[in-house]
Amino acid sequence: MHSREVWGLAAGMLCLTAAAGLAGLWLWGAGAAALLWLLGALLTALAAAFTLWRYRQIRALSRYLAGVYAGGEAADIRDQSPGELGALKDDLYKITTVLRRQAADLERQKTFLSETLENIAHQLKTPLAAIQLQTELWESPGTAQAERARCAAEAARQVERMDWLVKSLLKLSRLEADAVPFEAKELPAAEVIRLAARGLLPLLGRRQAALSVCCPEQALCRCDPAWTAEALTNLIKNCAEHTPPGGRVTVTFRATVLFDEFRVEDTGGGIPAAALPHIFERFWRGPGSPPGSAGIGLPLARAIAQGQNGALTAANTAQGACFTLRLFR
């Protein structure tokens, strides 16, 4: 196709050259005609050579695009030389780079979705199996009334766990999709801490762990109270579960010009060094995790912090683990 175009261009220019030579022969004589024919032939050759060179460049770009489409790497074809061909190379490089990045992001999202669904199925499998077992015991003719009551209570506990798991996953998904409208309010920080600890008193009692709050009543913080309390609840719960009987969980608040800070510490001996890089990963369960732990609480707390222009970090102190939740102003 390109050859026909080049030959057509050459034929057209040669026709014009012949016409110009005949006109020169008629007007100025044989010498002028010969000179016009020679110049026309040279111009035709130069135009044909330049056109072939451009076609070769375009053919190379076509091969490059075909390679990228087939899954090859997006090589750096940028050209600093002026002209439309150089600009085209730059544009194609930018487009292919963006497309490759988007393809890589889609592949990561696909892998993440697959792993998430697998983890959700695994998390739901345990309570479903427990409910099925309790149902079978309930329906057994030889099961005593007291045992049936215990089966009903255990089945209800597993249903409650499944309800918490599904709701937590939905919250985490909304947070990661930036679909949560946080409403910042200025209110006493102690009120947020009380809201967070309200439902954890039975757990603290079972663990024989004391809860200490170091927060002046007049200290104010600016946050979304419900979501911030949710994050603190998960942090306090995590510390309570890893604190031995007789231990203590301490919640401290301080306000600075730049941020409001909640610190949650325990006396559980600290987080293993190998576990520190992973504790905020979804579904990750470290050594010593309590039975039934889903690995959702800490990722949920971090997503809440990030959604309020904040950060959540973990470290170890001389007594145990320490979580620092900062909400920047």
C-alpha atoms as a PDB file:
ATOM      1  CA  MET A   1       0.000   0.000   0.000  1.00  0.00           C
ATOM      2  CA  HIS A   2       2.768   2.391   0.937  1.00  0.00           C
ATOM      3  CA  SER A   3       4.740   1.481  -2.200  1.00  0.00           C
ATOM      4  CA  ARG A   4       1.783   2.391  -4.432  1.00  0.00           C
ATOM      5  CA  GLU A   5       1.496   5.733  -2.645  1.00  0.00           C
ATOM      6  CA  VAL A   6       5.213   6.438  -3.127  1.00  0.00           C
ATOM      7  CA  TRP A   7       5.075   5.462  -6.806  1.00  0.00           C
ATOM      8  CA  GLY A   8       1.986   7.588  -7.295  1.00  0.00           C
ATOM      9  CA  LEU A   9       3.743  10.568  -5.705  1.00  0.00           C
ATOM     10  CA  ALA A  10       6.828  10.009  -7.900  1.00  0.00           C
ATOM     11  CA  ALA A  11       4.712   9.654 -11.039  1.00  0.00           C
ATOM     12  CA  GLY A  12       2.837  12.867 -10.287  1.00  0.00           C
ATOM     13  CA  MET A  13       6.027  14.809  -9.701  1.00  0.00           C
ATOM     14  CA  LEU A  14       7.620  13.395 -12.858  1.00  0.00           C
ATOM     15  CA  CYS A  15       4.584  14.462 -14.873  1.00  0.00           C
ATOM     16  CA  LEU A  16       4.899  17.957 -13.458  1.00  0.00           C
ATOM     17  CA  THR A  17       8.623  17.914 -14.223  1.00  0.00           C
ATOM     18  CA  ALA A  18       7.965  16.843 -17.822  1.00  0.00           C
ATOM     19  CA  ALA A  19       5.356  19.584 -18.257  1.00  0.00           C
ATOM     20  CA  ALA A  20       7.730  22.191 -16.797  1.00  0.00           C
ATOM     21  CA  GLY A  21      10.535  20.988 -19.114  1.00  0.00           C
ATOM     22  CA  LEU A  22       8.330  21.237 -22.202  1.00  0.00           C
ATOM     23  CA  ALA A  23       7.260  24.718 -21.154  1.00  0.00           C
ATOM     24  CA  GLY A  24      10.935  25.684 -20.663  1.00  0.00           C
ATOM     25  CA  LEU A  25      11.833  24.203 -24.051  1.00  0.00           C
ATOM     26  CA  TRP A  26       9.129  26.251 -25.740  1.00  0.00           C
ATOM     27  CA  LEU A  27       9.970  29.456 -23.822  1.00  0.00           C
ATOM     28  CA  TRP A  28      13.738  29.393 -23.283  1.00  0.00           C
ATOM     29  CA  GLY A  29      15.201  26.561 -25.320  1.00  0.00           C
ATOM     30  CA  ALA A  30      16.764  23.127 -24.850  1.00  0.00           C
ATOM     31  CA  GLY A  31      19.248  24.165 -22.100  1.00  0.00           C
ATOM     32  CA  ALA A  32      16.531  25.501 -19.817  1.00  0.00           C
ATOM     33  CA  ALA A  33      14.376  22.432 -20.436  1.00  0.00           C
ATOM     34  CA  ALA A  34      17.233  20.076 -19.510  1.00  0.00           C
ATOM     35  CA  LEU A  35      17.908  22.025 -16.326  1.00  0.00           C
ATOM     36  CA  LEU A  36      14.234  21.921 -15.318  1.00  0.00           C
ATOM     37  CA  TRP A  37      14.054  18.185 -15.995  1.00  0.00           C
ATOM     38  CA  LEU A  38      17.186  17.586 -13.897  1.00  0.00           C
ATOM     39  CA  LEU A  39      15.905  19.654 -10.961  1.00  0.00           C
ATOM     40  CA  GLY A  40      12.521  17.962 -11.172  1.00  0.00           C
ATOM     41  CA  ALA A  41      14.122  14.496 -11.121  1.00  0.00           C
ATOM     42  CA  LEU A  42      16.219  15.426  -8.058  1.00  0.00           C
ATOM     43  CA  LEU A  43      13.191  16.842  -6.222  1.00  0.00           C
ATOM     44  CA  THR A  44      11.198  13.713  -7.089  1.00  0.00           C
ATOM     45  CA  ALA A  45      13.965  11.470  -5.721  1.00  0.00           C
ATOM     46  CA  LEU A  46      14.268  13.519  -2.530  1.00  0.00           C
ATOM     47  CA  ALA A  47      10.506  13.542  -1.975  1.00  0.00           C
ATOM     48  CA  ALA A  48      10.280   9.795  -2.558  1.00  0.00           C
ATOM     49  CA  ALA A  49      13.195   9.105  -0.187  1.00  0.00           C
ATOM     50  CA  PHE A  50      11.723  11.339   2.532  1.00  0.00           C
ATOM     51  CA  THR A  51       8.292   9.744   2.142  1.00  0.00           C
ATOM     52  CA  LEU A  52       9.784   6.233   2.379  1.00  0.00           C
ATOM     53  CA  TRP A  53      11.675   7.238   5.516  1.00  0.00           C
ATOM     54  CA  ARG A  54       8.487   8.550   7.159  1.00  0.00           C
ATOM     55  CA  TYR A  55       6.638   5.362   6.192  1.00  0.00           C
ATOM     56  CA  ARG A  56       9.373   3.289   7.810  1.00  0.00           C
ATOM     57  CA  GLN A  57       9.025   5.356  11.018  1.00  0.00           C
ATOM     58  CA  ILE A  58       5.253   4.917  10.993  1.00  0.00           C
ATOM     59  CA  ARG A  59       5.659   1.174  10.326  1.00  0.00           C
ATOM     60  CA  ALA A  60       7.998   0.949  13.339  1.00  0.00           C
ATOM     61  CA  LEU A  61       5.382   2.707  15.476  1.00  0.00           C
ATOM     62  CA  SER A  62       2.744   0.264  14.240  1.00  0.00           C
ATOM     63  CA  ARG A  63       4.937  -2.682  15.246  1.00  0.00           C
ATOM     64  CA  TYR A  64       5.515  -1.047  18.638  1.00  0.00           C
ATOM     65  CA  LEU A  65       1.758  -0.644  19.229  1.00  0.00           C
ATOM     66  CA  ALA A  66       1.133  -4.227  18.117  1.00  0.00           C
ATOM     67  CA  GLY A  67       3.759  -5.432  20.609  1.00  0.00           C
ATOM     68  CA  VAL A  68       2.238  -3.437  23.450  1.00  0.00           C
ATOM     69  CA  TYR A  69      -1.219  -4.751  22.535  1.00  0.00           C
ATOM     70  CA  ALA A  70       0.175  -8.299  22.653  1.00  0.00           C
ATOM     71  CA  GLY A  71       1.410  -7.705  26.199  1.00  0.00           C
ATOM     72  CA  GLY A  72       4.923  -6.451  25.611  1.00  0.00           C
ATOM     73  CA  GLU A  73       6.659  -3.719  27.561  1.00  0.00           C
ATOM     74  CA  ALA A  74       6.001  -0.065  26.745  1.00  0.00           C
ATOM     75  CA  ALA A  75       9.495   0.905  25.544  1.00  0.00           C
ATOM     76  CA  ASP A  76      10.634   4.509  25.728  1.00  0.00           C
ATOM     77  CA  ILE A  77      10.099   5.778  22.165  1.00  0.00           C
ATOM     78  CA  ARG A  78      10.089   9.459  23.040  1.00  0.00           C
ATOM     79  CA  ASP A  79      11.821  11.670  20.482  1.00  0.00           C
ATOM     80  CA  GLN A  80      13.083  15.153  21.248  1.00  0.00           C
ATOM     81  CA  SER A  81      13.405  16.083  17.585  1.00  0.00           C
ATOM     82  CA  PRO A  82      10.960  18.761  16.381  1.00  0.00           C
ATOM     83  CA  GLY A  83       8.129  17.901  14.045  1.00  0.00           C
ATOM     84  CA  GLU A  84       4.883  16.032  13.956  1.00  0.00           C
ATOM     85  CA  LEU A  85       6.500  12.587  14.003  1.00  0.00           C
ATOM     86  CA  GLY A  86       8.390  13.370  17.215  1.00  0.00           C
ATOM     87  CA  ALA A  87       5.210  14.713  18.815  1.00  0.00           C
ATOM     88  CA  LEU A  88       3.344  11.574  17.714  1.00  0.00           C
ATOM     89  CA  LYS A  89       6.000   9.355  19.340  1.00  0.00           C
ATOM     90  CA  ASP A  90       5.745  11.307  22.599  1.00  0.00           C
ATOM     91  CA  ASP A  91       1.943  11.058  22.605  1.00  0.00           C
ATOM     92  CA  LEU A  92       1.975   7.337  21.849  1.00  0.00           C
ATOM     93  CA  TYR A  93       4.474   6.707  24.632  1.00  0.00           C
ATOM     94  CA  LYS A  94       2.309   8.600  27.127  1.00  0.00           C
ATOM     95  CA  ILE A  95      -0.850   6.788  26.041  1.00  0.00           C
ATOM     96  CA  THR A  96       0.703   3.308  26.126  1.00  0.00           C
ATOM     97  CA  THR A  97       2.313   4.001  29.500  1.00  0.00           C
ATOM     98  CA  VAL A  98      -1.029   5.086  30.973  1.00  0.00           C
ATOM     99  CA  LEU A  99      -2.808   2.085  29.442  1.00  0.00           C
ATOM    100  CA  ARG A 100      -0.199  -0.323  30.798  1.00  0.00           C
ATOM    101  CA  ARG A 101      -0.506   1.256  34.245  1.00  0.00           C
ATOM    102  CA  GLN A 102      -4.281   0.990  34.110  1.00  0.00           C
ATOM    103  CA  ALA A 103      -4.034  -2.634  32.987  1.00  0.00           C
ATOM    104  CA  ALA A 104      -1.702  -3.379  35.903  1.00  0.00           C
ATOM    105  CA  ASP A 105      -4.101  -1.647  38.325  1.00  0.00           C
ATOM    106  CA  LEU A 106      -7.029  -3.658  36.959  1.00  0.00           C
ATOM    107  CA  GLU A 107      -5.066  -6.875  37.368  1.00  0.00           C
ATOM    108  CA  ARG A 108      -4.221  -5.963  40.974  1.00  0.00           C
ATOM    109  CA  GLN A 109      -7.860  -5.120  41.675  1.00  0.00           C
ATOM    110  CA  LYS A 110      -8.932  -8.413  40.137  1.00  0.00           C
ATOM    111  CA  THR A 111      -6.470 -10.311  42.316  1.00  0.00           C
ATOM    112  CA  PHE A 112      -7.515  -8.320  45.381  1.00  0.00           C
ATOM    113  CA  LEU A 113     -11.208  -9.011  44.723  1.00  0.00           C
ATOM    114  CA  SER A 114     -10.540 -12.709  44.242  1.00  0.00           C
ATOM    115  CA  GLU A 115      -8.517 -12.939  47.454  1.00  0.00           C
ATOM    116  CA  THR A 116     -11.115 -10.887  49.354  1.00  0.00           C
ATOM    117  CA  LEU A 117     -13.972 -13.132  48.266  1.00  0.00           C
ATOM    118  CA  GLU A 118     -11.923 -16.181  49.204  1.00  0.00           C
ATOM    119  CA  ASN A 119     -11.179 -14.716  52.634  1.00  0.00           C
ATOM    120  CA  ILE A 120     -14.827 -13.757  53.188  1.00  0.00           C
ATOM    121  CA  ALA A 121     -15.911 -17.286  52.299  1.00  0.00           C
ATOM    122  CA  HIS A 122     -13.315 -18.666  54.712  1.00  0.00           C
ATOM    123  CA  GLN A 123     -14.435 -16.309  57.495  1.00  0.00           C
ATOM    124  CA  LEU A 124     -18.104 -17.257  57.060  1.00  0.00           C
ATOM    125  CA  LYS A 125     -17.356 -20.972  56.835  1.00  0.00           C
ATOM    126  CA  THR A 126     -16.519 -21.341  60.539  1.00  0.00           C
ATOM    127  CA  PRO A 127     -19.705 -19.798  62.015  1.00  0.00           C
ATOM    128  CA  LEU A 128     -21.850 -21.575  59.411  1.00  0.00           C
ATOM    129  CA  ALA A 129     -20.309 -24.912  60.350  1.00  0.00           C
ATOM    130  CA  ALA A 130     -20.886 -24.140  64.032  1.00  0.00           C
ATOM    131  CA  ILE A 131     -24.534 -23.235  63.393  1.00  0.00           C
ATOM    132  CA  GLN A 132     -25.039 -26.447  61.407  1.00  0.00           C
ATOM    133  CA  LEU A 133     -23.523 -28.510  64.237  1.00  0.00           C
ATOM    134  CA  GLN A 134     -25.696 -26.842  66.875  1.00  0.00           C
ATOM    135  CA  THR A 135     -28.776 -27.381  64.705  1.00  0.00           C
ATOM    136  CA  GLU A 136     -28.008 -31.087  64.359  1.00  0.00           C
ATOM    137  CA  LEU A 137     -27.562 -31.410  68.131  1.00  0.00           C
ATOM    138  CA  TRP A 138     -30.810 -29.534  68.697  1.00  0.00           C
ATOM    139  CA  GLU A 139     -32.727 -31.865  66.385  1.00  0.00           C
ATOM    140  CA  SER A 140     -31.243 -35.012  67.891  1.00  0.00           C
ATOM    141  CA  PRO A 141     -33.958 -36.917  69.845  1.00  0.00           C
ATOM    142  CA  GLY A 142     -31.599 -37.726  72.696  1.00  0.00           C
ATOM    143  CA  THR A 143     -30.582 -34.108  73.384  1.00  0.00           C
ATOM    144  CA  ALA A 144     -31.632 -32.867  76.812  1.00  0.00           C
ATOM    145  CA  GLN A 145     -33.494 -29.590  77.215  1.00  0.00           C
ATOM    146  CA  ALA A 146     -30.534 -27.920  78.905  1.00  0.00           C
ATOM    147  CA  GLU A 147     -28.271 -28.963  76.040  1.00  0.00           C
ATOM    148  CA  ARG A 148     -30.790 -27.613  73.537  1.00  0.00           C
ATOM    149  CA  ALA A 149     -30.751 -24.279  75.330  1.00  0.00           C
ATOM    150  CA  ARG A 150     -26.967 -24.254  75.086  1.00  0.00           C
ATOM    151  CA  CYS A 151     -27.171 -25.081  71.339  1.00  0.00           C
ATOM    152  CA  ALA A 152     -29.607 -22.221  70.773  1.00  0.00           C
ATOM    153  CA  ALA A 153     -27.350 -19.798  72.646  1.00  0.00           C
ATOM    154  CA  GLU A 154     -24.275 -20.903  70.671  1.00  0.00           C
ATOM    155  CA  ALA A 155     -26.143 -20.639  67.356  1.00  0.00           C
ATOM    156  CA  ALA A 156     -27.296 -17.134  68.295  1.00  0.00           C
ATOM    157  CA  ARG A 157     -23.705 -16.189  69.151  1.00  0.00           C
ATOM    158  CA  GLN A 158     -22.482 -17.414  65.774  1.00  0.00           C
ATOM    159  CA  VAL A 159     -25.262 -15.510  63.978  1.00  0.00           C
ATOM    160  CA  GLU A 160     -24.224 -12.387  65.878  1.00  0.00           C
ATOM    161  CA  ARG A 161     -20.625 -12.968  64.800  1.00  0.00           C
ATOM    162  CA  MET A 162     -21.658 -13.345  61.156  1.00  0.00           C
ATOM    163  CA  ASP A 163     -23.710 -10.155  61.410  1.00  0.00           C
ATOM    164  CA  TRP A 164     -20.691  -8.288  62.818  1.00  0.00           C
ATOM    165  CA  LEU A 165     -18.422  -9.724  60.152  1.00  0.00           C
ATOM    166  CA  VAL A 166     -20.681  -8.719  57.258  1.00  0.00           C
ATOM    167  CA  LYS A 167     -21.279  -5.228  58.670  1.00  0.00           C
ATOM    168  CA  SER A 168     -17.557  -4.693  59.261  1.00  0.00           C
ATOM    169  CA  LEU A 169     -16.721  -5.786  55.726  1.00  0.00           C
ATOM    170  CA  LEU A 170     -19.356  -3.438  54.326  1.00  0.00           C
ATOM    171  CA  LYS A 171     -17.954  -0.573  56.392  1.00  0.00           C
ATOM    172  CA  LEU A 172     -14.417  -1.342  55.255  1.00  0.00           C
ATOM    173  CA  SER A 173     -15.499  -1.543  51.613  1.00  0.00           C
ATOM    174  CA  ARG A 174     -17.299   1.816  51.843  1.00  0.00           C
ATOM    175  CA  LEU A 175     -14.268   3.423  53.456  1.00  0.00           C
ATOM    176  CA  GLU A 176     -11.857   2.074  50.851  1.00  0.00           C
ATOM    177  CA  ALA A 177     -14.199   3.282  48.086  1.00  0.00           C
ATOM    178  CA  ASP A 178     -14.282   6.822  49.615  1.00  0.00           C
ATOM    179  CA  ALA A 179     -18.057   6.476  49.970  1.00  0.00           C
ATOM    180  CA  VAL A 180     -18.270   7.611  53.596  1.00  0.00           C
ATOM    181  CA  PRO A 181     -19.199  11.282  54.200  1.00  0.00           C
ATOM    182  CA  PHE A 182     -17.342  12.113  57.429  1.00  0.00           C
ATOM    183  CA  GLU A 183     -18.941  14.897  59.480  1.00  0.00           C
ATOM    184  CA  ALA A 184     -16.353  16.657  61.616  1.00  0.00           C
ATOM    185  CA  LYS A 185     -17.639  18.114  64.887  1.00  0.00           C
ATOM    186  CA  GLU A 186     -15.917  19.740  67.826  1.00  0.00           C
ATOM    187  CA  LEU A 187     -16.777  17.923  71.045  1.00  0.00           C
ATOM    188  CA  PRO A 188     -15.132  16.661  74.242  1.00  0.00           C
ATOM    189  CA  ALA A 189     -12.597  13.938  73.525  1.00  0.00           C
ATOM    190  CA  ALA A 190     -13.631  12.127  76.716  1.00  0.00           C
ATOM    191  CA  GLU A 191     -17.101  11.719  75.257  1.00  0.00           C
ATOM    192  CA  VAL A 192     -15.669   9.970  72.177  1.00  0.00           C
ATOM    193  CA  ILE A 193     -13.616   7.647  74.400  1.00  0.00           C
ATOM    194  CA  ARG A 194     -16.652   6.772  76.540  1.00  0.00           C
ATOM    195  CA  LEU A 195     -18.629   6.022  73.393  1.00  0.00           C
ATOM    196  CA  ALA A 196     -15.832   3.739  72.189  1.00  0.00           C
ATOM    197  CA  ALA A 197     -15.490   1.837  75.480  1.00  0.00           C
ATOM    198  CA  ARG A 198     -19.212   1.457  76.178  1.00  0.00           C
ATOM    199  CA  GLY A 199     -19.615  -1.953  74.563  1.00  0.00           C
ATOM    200  CA  LEU A 200     -16.254  -3.342  75.709  1.00  0.00           C
ATOM    201  CA  LEU A 201     -16.852  -3.496  79.450  1.00  0.00           C
ATOM    202  CA  PRO A 202     -17.962  -7.185  79.340  1.00  0.00           C
ATOM    203  CA  LEU A 203     -14.811  -8.103  77.373  1.00  0.00           C
ATOM    204  CA  LEU A 204     -12.587  -6.195  79.803  1.00  0.00           C
ATOM    205  CA  GLY A 205     -14.336  -7.953  82.679  1.00  0.00           C
ATOM    206  CA  ARG A 206     -13.802 -11.399  81.157  1.00  0.00           C
ATOM    207  CA  ARG A 207     -10.144 -10.576  80.505  1.00  0.00           C
ATOM    208  CA  GLN A 208      -9.796  -9.123  84.044  1.00  0.00           C
ATOM    209  CA  ALA A 209      -8.206  -6.058  82.429  1.00  0.00           C
ATOM    210  CA  ALA A 210      -8.547  -2.519  83.761  1.00  0.00           C
ATOM    211  CA  LEU A 211      -9.267   0.454  81.486  1.00  0.00           C
ATOM    212  CA  SER A 212      -7.597   3.776  82.285  1.00  0.00           C
ATOM    213  CA  VAL A 213      -8.481   7.040  80.522  1.00  0.00           C
ATOM    214  CA  CYS A 214      -6.098   9.999  80.604  1.00  0.00           C
ATOM    215  CA  CYS A 215      -8.132  12.814  79.104  1.00  0.00           C
ATOM    216  CA  PRO A 216      -9.208  16.105  80.698  1.00  0.00           C
ATOM    217  CA  GLU A 217     -12.965  16.580  80.538  1.00  0.00           C
ATOM    218  CA  GLN A 218     -12.541  20.026  78.980  1.00  0.00           C
ATOM    219  CA  ALA A 219     -10.235  18.783  76.187  1.00  0.00           C
ATOM    220  CA  LEU A 220     -11.885  19.169  72.778  1.00  0.00           C
ATOM    221  CA  CYS A 221     -11.254  17.253  69.567  1.00  0.00           C
ATOM    222  CA  ARG A 222     -12.528  17.759  66.040  1.00  0.00           C
ATOM    223  CA  CYS A 223     -13.658  14.515  64.391  1.00  0.00           C
ATOM    224  CA  ASP A 224     -16.588  12.444  63.258  1.00  0.00           C
ATOM    225  CA  PRO A 225     -17.598  11.086  66.683  1.00  0.00           C
ATOM    226  CA  ALA A 226     -19.315   7.879  65.560  1.00  0.00           C
ATOM    227  CA  TRP A 227     -16.573   6.766  63.163  1.00  0.00           C
ATOM    228  CA  THR A 228     -13.735   7.823  65.488  1.00  0.00           C
ATOM    229  CA  ALA A 229     -15.375   5.882  68.325  1.00  0.00           C
ATOM    230  CA  GLU A 230     -15.587   2.881  65.979  1.00  0.00           C
ATOM    231  CA  ALA A 231     -11.842   3.088  65.351  1.00  0.00           C
ATOM    232  CA  LEU A 232     -11.047   3.437  69.065  1.00  0.00           C
ATOM    233  CA  THR A 233     -13.347   0.517  69.881  1.00  0.00           C
ATOM    234  CA  ASN A 234     -11.340  -1.730  67.580  1.00  0.00           C
ATOM    235  CA  LEU A 235      -8.050  -0.527  69.080  1.00  0.00           C
ATOM    236  CA  ILE A 236      -9.201  -0.995  72.683  1.00  0.00           C
ATOM    237  CA  LYS A 237     -10.666  -4.407  71.833  1.00  0.00           C
ATOM    238  CA  ASN A 238      -7.388  -5.496  70.221  1.00  0.00           C
ATOM    239  CA  CYS A 239      -5.380  -4.377  73.244  1.00  0.00           C
ATOM    240  CA  ALA A 240      -7.814  -6.041  75.687  1.00  0.00           C
ATOM    241  CA  GLU A 241      -7.588  -9.343  73.804  1.00  0.00           C
ATOM    242  CA  HIS A 242      -3.776  -9.326  73.993  1.00  0.00           C
ATOM    243  CA  THR A 243      -3.509  -8.219  77.626  1.00  0.00           C
ATOM    244  CA  PRO A 244      -3.105 -10.994  80.219  1.00  0.00           C
ATOM    245  CA  PRO A 245      -5.379 -11.161  83.295  1.00  0.00           C
ATOM    246  CA  GLY A 246      -4.613  -8.305  85.652  1.00  0.00           C
ATOM    247  CA  GLY A 247      -3.281  -6.129  82.833  1.00  0.00           C
ATOM    248  CA  ARG A 248      -4.296  -2.637  81.848  1.00  0.00           C
ATOM    249  CA  VAL A 249      -5.423  -0.810  78.733  1.00  0.00           C
ATOM    250  CA  THR A 250      -4.756   2.946  78.734  1.00  0.00           C
ATOM    251  CA  VAL A 251      -6.348   5.531  76.426  1.00  0.00           C
ATOM    252  CA  THR A 252      -4.640   8.924  76.338  1.00  0.00           C
ATOM    253  CA  PHE A 253      -5.690  12.057  74.469  1.00  0.00           C
ATOM    254  CA  ARG A 254      -3.743  15.192  73.661  1.00  0.00           C
ATOM    255  CA  ALA A 255      -4.408  18.094  71.315  1.00  0.00           C
ATOM    256  CA  THR A 256      -1.756  20.100  69.487  1.00  0.00           C
ATOM    257  CA  VAL A 257      -1.818  22.913  66.971  1.00  0.00           C
ATOM    258  CA  LEU A 258      -1.437  20.391  64.140  1.00  0.00           C
ATOM    259  CA  PHE A 259      -3.466  17.361  65.230  1.00  0.00           C
ATOM    260  CA  ASP A 260      -5.615  15.601  67.817  1.00  0.00           C
ATOM    261  CA  GLU A 261      -4.071  12.367  69.098  1.00  0.00           C
ATOM    262  CA  PHE A 262      -5.543   9.280  70.740  1.00  0.00           C
ATOM    263  CA  ARG A 263      -3.071   6.716  72.112  1.00  0.00           C
ATOM    264  CA  VAL A 264      -4.199   3.226  73.103  1.00  0.00           C
ATOM    265  CA  GLU A 265      -1.632   1.153  75.025  1.00  0.00           C
ATOM    266  CA  ASP A 266      -1.685  -2.231  76.724  1.00  0.00           C
ATOM    267  CA  THR A 267       0.519  -4.311  78.995  1.00  0.00           C
ATOM    268  CA  GLY A 268       0.509  -7.398  76.822  1.00  0.00           C
ATOM    269  CA  GLY A 269       4.208  -7.659  76.033  1.00  0.00           C
ATOM    270  CA  GLY A 270       4.129  -5.926  72.642  1.00  0.00           C
ATOM    271  CA  ILE A 271       3.741  -6.848  68.992  1.00  0.00           C
ATOM    272  CA  PRO A 272       6.296  -9.295  67.510  1.00  0.00           C
ATOM    273  CA  ALA A 273       8.724  -7.505  65.203  1.00  0.00           C
ATOM    274  CA  ALA A 274       7.805  -9.794  62.303  1.00  0.00           C
ATOM    275  CA  ALA A 275       4.128  -8.919  62.737  1.00  0.00           C
ATOM    276  CA  LEU A 276       4.449  -5.116  62.835  1.00  0.00           C
ATOM    277  CA  PRO A 277       4.543  -4.619  59.021  1.00  0.00           C
ATOM    278  CA  HIS A 278       1.379  -6.708  58.577  1.00  0.00           C
ATOM    279  CA  ILE A 279      -1.027  -5.885  61.394  1.00  0.00           C
ATOM    280  CA  PHE A 280      -3.026  -3.392  59.302  1.00  0.00           C
ATOM    281  CA  GLU A 281      -3.471  -5.810  56.396  1.00  0.00           C
ATOM    282  CA  ARG A 282      -7.000  -7.039  55.822  1.00  0.00           C
ATOM    283  CA  PHE A 283      -7.653 -10.588  57.162  1.00  0.00           C
ATOM    284  CA  TRP A 284      -4.111 -10.893  58.517  1.00  0.00           C
ATOM    285  CA  ARG A 285      -3.934 -12.782  61.800  1.00  0.00           C
ATOM    286  CA  GLY A 286      -0.697 -12.781  63.717  1.00  0.00           C
ATOM    287  CA  PRO A 287       0.623 -15.257  66.255  1.00  0.00           C
ATOM    288  CA  GLY A 288      -1.355 -15.122  69.477  1.00  0.00           C
ATOM    289  CA  SER A 289      -4.552 -13.878  67.823  1.00  0.00           C
ATOM    290  CA  PRO A 290      -7.616 -14.937  69.810  1.00  0.00           C
ATOM    291  CA  PRO A 291      -9.791 -17.739  68.387  1.00  0.00           C
ATOM    292  CA  GLY A 292     -12.316 -16.433  65.906  1.00  0.00           C
ATOM    293  CA  SER A 293     -10.316 -13.300  65.082  1.00  0.00           C
ATOM    294  CA  ALA A 294     -11.164 -12.100  61.567  1.00  0.00           C
ATOM    295  CA  GLY A 295      -8.307  -9.661  61.012  1.00  0.00           C
ATOM    296  CA  ILE A 296     -10.664  -6.775  60.175  1.00  0.00           C
ATOM    297  CA  GLY A 297     -10.621  -4.489  63.225  1.00  0.00           C
ATOM    298  CA  LEU A 298      -7.215  -2.863  62.727  1.00  0.00           C
ATOM    299  CA  PRO A 299      -7.600  -2.341  58.943  1.00  0.00           C
ATOM    300  CA  LEU A 300     -11.002  -0.785  59.631  1.00  0.00           C
ATOM    301  CA  ALA A 301      -9.520   1.561  62.235  1.00  0.00           C
ATOM    302  CA  ARG A 302      -6.763   2.655  59.851  1.00  0.00           C
ATOM    303  CA  ALA A 303      -9.258   3.278  57.026  1.00  0.00           C
ATOM    304  CA  ILE A 304     -11.328   5.457  59.397  1.00  0.00           C
ATOM    305  CA  ALA A 305      -8.223   7.451  60.342  1.00  0.00           C
ATOM    306  CA  GLN A 306      -7.204   7.956  56.722  1.00  0.00           C
ATOM    307  CA  GLY A 307     -10.743   8.960  55.764  1.00  0.00           C
ATOM    308  CA  GLN A 308     -10.520  11.856  58.253  1.00  0.00           C
ATOM    309  CA  ASN A 309      -7.162  13.108  56.982  1.00  0.00           C
ATOM    310  CA  GLY A 310      -5.404  11.190  59.713  1.00  0.00           C
ATOM    311  CA  ALA A 311      -3.045   8.296  60.315  1.00  0.00           C
ATOM    312  CA  LEU A 312      -2.864   5.216  62.506  1.00  0.00           C
ATOM    313  CA  THR A 313       0.476   3.718  63.513  1.00  0.00           C
ATOM    314  CA  ALA A 314       1.572   0.875  65.762  1.00  0.00           C
ATOM    315  CA  ALA A 315       4.678   0.496  67.896  1.00  0.00           C
ATOM    316  CA  ASN A 316       5.927  -1.173  71.050  1.00  0.00           C
ATOM    317  CA  THR A 317       6.625   0.337  74.446  1.00  0.00           C
ATOM    318  CA  ALA A 318       8.368  -1.122  77.453  1.00  0.00           C
ATOM    319  CA  GLN A 319       5.031  -2.578  78.666  1.00  0.00           C
ATOM    320  CA  GLY A 320       3.293  -3.634  75.465  1.00  0.00           C
ATOM    321  CA  ALA A 321       1.706  -2.456  72.235  1.00  0.00           C
ATOM    322  CA  CYS A 322       0.867   1.157  71.483  1.00  0.00           C
ATOM    323  CA  PHE A 323      -1.500   2.444  68.767  1.00  0.00           C
ATOM    324  CA  THR A 324      -1.428   6.135  67.868  1.00  0.00           C
ATOM    325  CA  LEU A 325      -4.405   7.638  66.068  1.00  0.00           C
ATOM    326  CA  ARG A 326      -3.797  11.174  64.789  1.00  0.00           C
ATOM    327  CA  LEU A 327      -6.393  13.372  63.141  1.00  0.00           C
ATOM    328  CA  PHE A 328      -4.718  16.333  61.464  1.00  0.00           C
ATOM    329  CA  ARG A 329      -6.419  19.717  61.550  1.00  0.00           C
END
